[in-house]
Protein backbone atom coordinates (compact mmCIF):
# COMPACT_ATOMS: atom_id res chain seq x y z
CA HIS A 1 265.90 109.94 -47.52
CA PHE A 2 263.89 108.35 -48.04
CA ILE A 3 262.35 105.51 -47.22
CA GLY A 4 261.15 102.35 -49.67
CA MET A 5 257.65 100.63 -49.46
CA SER A 6 256.78 97.24 -50.96
CA SER A 7 253.92 99.28 -52.19
CA GLY A 8 255.97 101.04 -54.52
CA MET A 9 255.83 104.47 -51.95
CA HIS A 10 258.39 106.02 -50.87
CA TYR A 11 258.35 108.55 -47.93
CA SER A 12 260.07 110.66 -45.89
CA ILE A 13 259.34 112.95 -42.92
CA LEU A 14 260.26 116.61 -43.05
CA THR A 15 259.24 117.58 -39.55
CA PRO A 16 258.50 115.19 -36.87
CA GLY A 17 254.80 115.16 -35.12
CA THR A 18 253.69 115.05 -31.04
CA GLY A 19 250.12 114.87 -31.49
CA GLU A 20 248.00 111.52 -32.21
CA VAL A 21 249.27 108.72 -34.31
CA ALA A 22 246.54 108.40 -37.51
CA THR A 23 245.59 104.54 -37.29
CA ALA A 24 243.11 102.71 -39.82
CA GLY A 25 239.01 104.06 -39.17
CA ARG A 26 239.96 107.50 -37.46
CA TYR A 27 238.67 110.27 -39.24
CA VAL A 28 242.12 112.30 -40.36
CA GLN A 29 242.79 116.61 -42.03
CA ILE A 30 245.33 116.89 -43.86
CA HIS A 31 246.45 119.83 -45.89
CA TYR A 32 248.48 119.08 -49.24
CA THR A 33 251.07 120.29 -51.86
CA ALA A 34 251.29 118.08 -55.03
CA SER A 35 254.19 118.16 -57.13
CA THR A 36 255.54 116.26 -59.66
CA LEU A 37 259.08 114.82 -59.72
CA THR A 38 260.66 118.52 -61.68
CA GLY A 39 259.30 120.01 -58.59
CA GLU A 40 256.63 122.37 -60.43
CA VAL A 41 253.70 122.28 -58.06
CA ILE A 42 250.30 120.82 -59.63
CA ASP A 43 247.96 121.30 -56.79
CA ARG A 44 247.31 122.36 -52.65
CA SER A 45 244.69 122.50 -50.87
CA SER A 46 243.55 124.91 -49.14
CA PRO A 47 244.83 127.05 -46.37
CA GLU A 48 241.58 127.93 -44.44
CA HIS A 49 240.02 123.74 -45.40
CA PRO A 50 241.78 121.10 -44.35
CA VAL A 51 240.99 118.14 -46.55
CA GLY A 52 239.22 115.34 -44.10
CA TYR A 53 238.09 111.57 -44.83
CA VAL A 54 238.10 108.15 -42.98
CA LEU A 55 241.77 106.21 -43.83
CA PHE A 56 241.20 103.26 -45.21
CA SER A 57 237.78 103.68 -46.31
CA GLY A 58 238.78 104.14 -50.33
CA ARG A 59 238.32 108.30 -50.88
CA VAL A 60 241.47 109.07 -51.00
CA PRO A 61 244.27 107.19 -53.68
CA ARG A 62 245.27 103.99 -51.91
CA GLY A 63 248.62 106.04 -51.73
CA TRP A 64 247.50 108.66 -48.98
CA ASP A 65 245.96 106.24 -47.27
CA GLU A 66 249.70 104.12 -46.70
CA GLY A 67 250.97 107.01 -46.63
CA VAL A 68 249.18 109.18 -43.89
CA VAL A 69 248.96 105.88 -41.88
CA GLY A 70 251.77 106.04 -38.43
CA MET A 71 251.58 109.44 -38.76
CA ARG A 72 251.33 112.17 -35.85
CA VAL A 73 249.31 115.05 -35.35
CA GLY A 74 251.58 118.48 -36.73
CA GLU A 75 254.21 115.83 -39.30
CA LYS A 76 254.90 116.27 -41.72
CA ARG A 77 256.26 113.57 -44.24
CA ARG A 78 257.06 113.67 -48.68
CA LEU A 79 255.66 110.87 -50.47
CA VAL A 80 256.65 109.73 -53.88
CA LEU A 81 253.97 108.03 -55.36
CA PRO A 82 254.08 105.43 -58.37
CA LEU A 83 250.61 105.66 -60.56
CA GLU A 84 249.31 102.07 -59.53
CA LEU A 85 249.01 104.32 -56.52
CA MET A 86 247.07 107.14 -57.37
CA ALA A 87 243.95 104.84 -57.76
CA GLY A 88 240.95 106.11 -56.13
CA PRO A 89 238.84 109.34 -55.67
CA TYR A 90 240.79 112.71 -55.82
CA PRO A 91 239.51 115.47 -53.68
CA GLY A 92 241.29 118.15 -56.01
CA ASP A 93 239.84 119.80 -59.76
CA VAL A 94 242.81 118.95 -61.35
CA VAL A 95 243.97 116.69 -63.96
CA LEU A 96 247.28 114.70 -62.43
CA PRO A 97 249.53 113.89 -65.15
CA ASP A 98 250.28 110.21 -65.94
CA THR A 99 253.53 110.31 -63.75
CA PRO A 100 254.45 109.61 -60.71
CA LEU A 101 253.52 112.39 -57.92
CA VAL A 102 254.88 113.94 -54.74
CA PHE A 103 252.99 114.72 -52.05
CA ASP A 104 253.86 117.64 -49.26
CA ILE A 105 251.56 116.10 -45.98
CA GLU A 106 251.00 117.98 -43.13
CA LEU A 107 248.72 115.89 -40.55
CA VAL A 108 246.31 118.07 -38.64
CA ASP A 109 244.08 116.17 -36.84
CA VAL A 110 243.08 112.93 -35.59
CA LEU A 111 239.07 112.29 -34.68
CA PRO A 112 237.51 109.50 -34.28
CA GLY A 113 235.40 107.18 -37.29
CA VAL A 114 232.17 105.34 -36.71
CA ARG A 115 231.90 102.83 -33.60
CA LEU A 116 230.27 99.99 -34.27
CA VAL A 117 228.43 96.86 -32.43
CA MET A 118 227.04 93.81 -34.33
CA HIS A 119 223.72 92.13 -32.10
CA GLU A 120 222.71 89.86 -35.04
CA ALA A 121 225.00 88.39 -37.98
CA GLY A 122 223.76 87.73 -41.50
CA ARG A 123 224.73 85.08 -44.14
CA GLY A 124 223.52 86.74 -46.68
CA VAL A 125 225.98 88.90 -49.89
CA ILE A 126 228.25 91.47 -47.97
CA ALA A 127 227.21 95.44 -49.14
CA ARG A 128 230.44 96.87 -51.28
CA PRO A 129 230.74 100.70 -52.33
CA GLY A 130 228.67 101.00 -55.68
CA ASP A 131 226.73 98.79 -53.90
CA THR A 132 222.70 99.89 -54.08
CA VAL A 133 221.27 98.53 -50.15
CA GLN A 134 217.76 98.29 -48.63
CA VAL A 135 217.23 98.75 -45.21
CA HIS A 136 215.83 99.44 -41.44
CA TYR A 137 216.70 101.66 -39.60
CA ARG A 138 216.21 103.29 -35.92
CA ALA A 139 217.75 106.64 -35.42
CA TYR A 140 218.88 108.46 -32.47
CA LEU A 141 220.29 111.10 -30.77
CA GLY A 142 223.16 110.65 -28.58
CA ARG A 143 221.95 108.77 -26.22
CA ASP A 144 218.37 108.99 -25.99
CA ALA A 145 216.22 106.54 -25.35
CA GLU A 146 213.26 107.05 -28.24
CA PRO A 147 214.37 108.12 -32.10
CA TYR A 148 213.87 110.88 -33.36
CA ASP A 149 213.26 108.22 -37.24
CA ASP A 150 211.99 104.75 -37.52
CA THR A 151 211.05 103.26 -40.70
CA TYR A 152 209.95 99.76 -39.28
CA GLU A 153 206.89 102.45 -37.50
CA ARG A 154 206.37 103.50 -41.17
CA ASN A 155 207.01 100.38 -42.53
CA GLU A 156 209.19 101.08 -45.28
CA PRO A 157 212.65 100.46 -45.80
CA ALA A 158 215.38 102.80 -46.82
CA GLU A 159 217.25 102.44 -50.12
CA TYR A 160 221.12 103.83 -51.35
CA HIS A 161 223.67 103.66 -53.20
CA ILE A 162 227.05 102.96 -51.70
CA GLY A 163 229.71 105.40 -52.63
CA THR A 164 227.48 108.21 -53.99
CA GLY A 165 226.99 111.25 -51.23
CA GLU A 166 224.02 110.01 -50.79
CA VAL A 167 223.77 109.54 -46.76
CA ILE A 168 226.27 111.36 -44.20
CA GLN A 169 229.18 109.84 -45.31
CA GLY A 170 229.27 107.66 -41.52
CA TRP A 171 226.42 105.75 -42.83
CA GLU A 172 228.69 104.62 -45.52
CA LEU A 173 230.90 103.60 -43.33
CA GLY A 174 228.52 101.46 -41.75
CA VAL A 175 227.14 99.79 -43.99
CA VAL A 176 230.03 98.15 -45.99
CA GLY A 177 231.41 95.09 -44.57
CA MET A 178 227.94 94.27 -43.52
CA ALA A 179 226.61 90.26 -44.68
CA GLU A 180 222.24 90.90 -45.76
CA GLY A 181 220.35 90.05 -42.61
CA GLU A 182 223.14 91.88 -40.47
CA THR A 183 222.05 94.05 -37.57
CA ARG A 184 224.57 96.38 -35.76
CA THR A 185 224.60 100.19 -34.07
CA VAL A 186 226.58 102.32 -35.73
CA GLU A 187 227.20 105.55 -33.59
CA ILE A 188 228.39 108.50 -36.09
CA PRO A 189 230.35 111.42 -34.73
CA ALA A 190 229.58 114.88 -35.42
CA HIS A 191 232.93 115.77 -38.60
CA LEU A 192 231.12 112.66 -39.58
CA GLY A 193 227.47 113.20 -39.84
CA TYR A 194 225.43 116.72 -39.93
CA GLY A 195 228.59 118.66 -39.25
CA ARG A 196 228.01 122.43 -37.18
CA ARG A 197 224.69 122.70 -38.96
CA GLY A 198 222.60 120.38 -38.09
CA ALA A 199 219.81 119.24 -40.04
CA ALA A 200 216.03 120.22 -40.64
CA GLY A 201 215.36 121.54 -37.35
CA VAL A 202 215.89 117.81 -35.58
CA ILE A 203 219.89 117.19 -35.65
CA PRO A 204 221.08 120.00 -33.66
CA PRO A 205 224.56 121.27 -34.32
CA ASP A 206 227.68 118.45 -32.96
CA ALA A 207 225.40 115.31 -32.37
CA THR A 208 226.20 112.03 -32.46
CA LEU A 209 223.91 110.07 -34.16
CA ARG A 210 223.21 106.38 -33.20
CA TYR A 211 222.21 104.09 -35.89
CA THR A 212 220.73 100.87 -35.45
CA ILE A 213 220.64 99.55 -38.64
CA GLU A 214 219.06 95.60 -40.60
CA LEU A 215 220.58 95.28 -44.10
CA LEU A 216 217.22 93.61 -45.76
CA GLN A 217 218.77 92.86 -49.43
CA VAL A 218 222.03 94.75 -51.77
CA THR A 219 222.09 94.45 -54.76
CA GLY A 220 225.03 94.77 -56.57
CA PRO A 221 226.95 96.40 -59.62
CA VAL A 222 226.60 94.45 -63.19
CA THR A 223 230.46 94.87 -63.53
CA ARG A 224 230.91 92.86 -60.37
CA TYR A 225 229.12 89.70 -62.02
CA THR A 226 231.15 90.41 -65.70
CA ASP A 227 233.59 87.14 -66.53
CA ILE A 228 236.94 89.30 -65.86
CA SER A 229 238.28 87.35 -69.52
CA LEU A 230 235.28 89.32 -71.06
CA ALA A 231 235.70 92.86 -69.49
CA GLN A 232 238.96 92.75 -70.19
CA GLY A 233 238.80 93.75 -73.89
CA HIS A 234 236.64 96.70 -73.38
């Protein structure tokens, strides 16, 4: 039978799991099959490559976050998601119909997310997905005491857009929620960094990274400051 949630999602546990529990902020890997209410399969993940994302990071439809949180590794669930819970990026290449959809999801693995330690609080604008941020940082491999990259030394702050893939996923997760003037350390596991390949001869495969980041400036998207009553007409 299906369990109804206040969000409008319904779910059913097809196969119980016995492994680690998926919680907010953790990196999960899933297999999925997407179907219409009549049973027509319209998309599925590759059997060799599960889809990975951090729970509640805004990288998948909202209903996936709500449906996967609380699952155990090995568990299979069937989610029935109304249209409003399909908001958010979709990992497949298909065009989804404007109808409620059914997702059969298997939780393959749960891995650590980023670890954040605040050193100095900020008082300015808070960084959100879609913003452009300017930062100073020092970058370290693992527990190394000496940085392999340092924008302070070069006197060249870095600038990038959050949510566009310009930087590794762990960087985006680590900076979202910072306020201008804040300094924090972000520890990034390899699966949210450069993974098994490493990078440019500087970062070895499967490397954990550590960044001390100072958020200098946030430039928000223009739409954030648009009057909502005017925006509704467009």
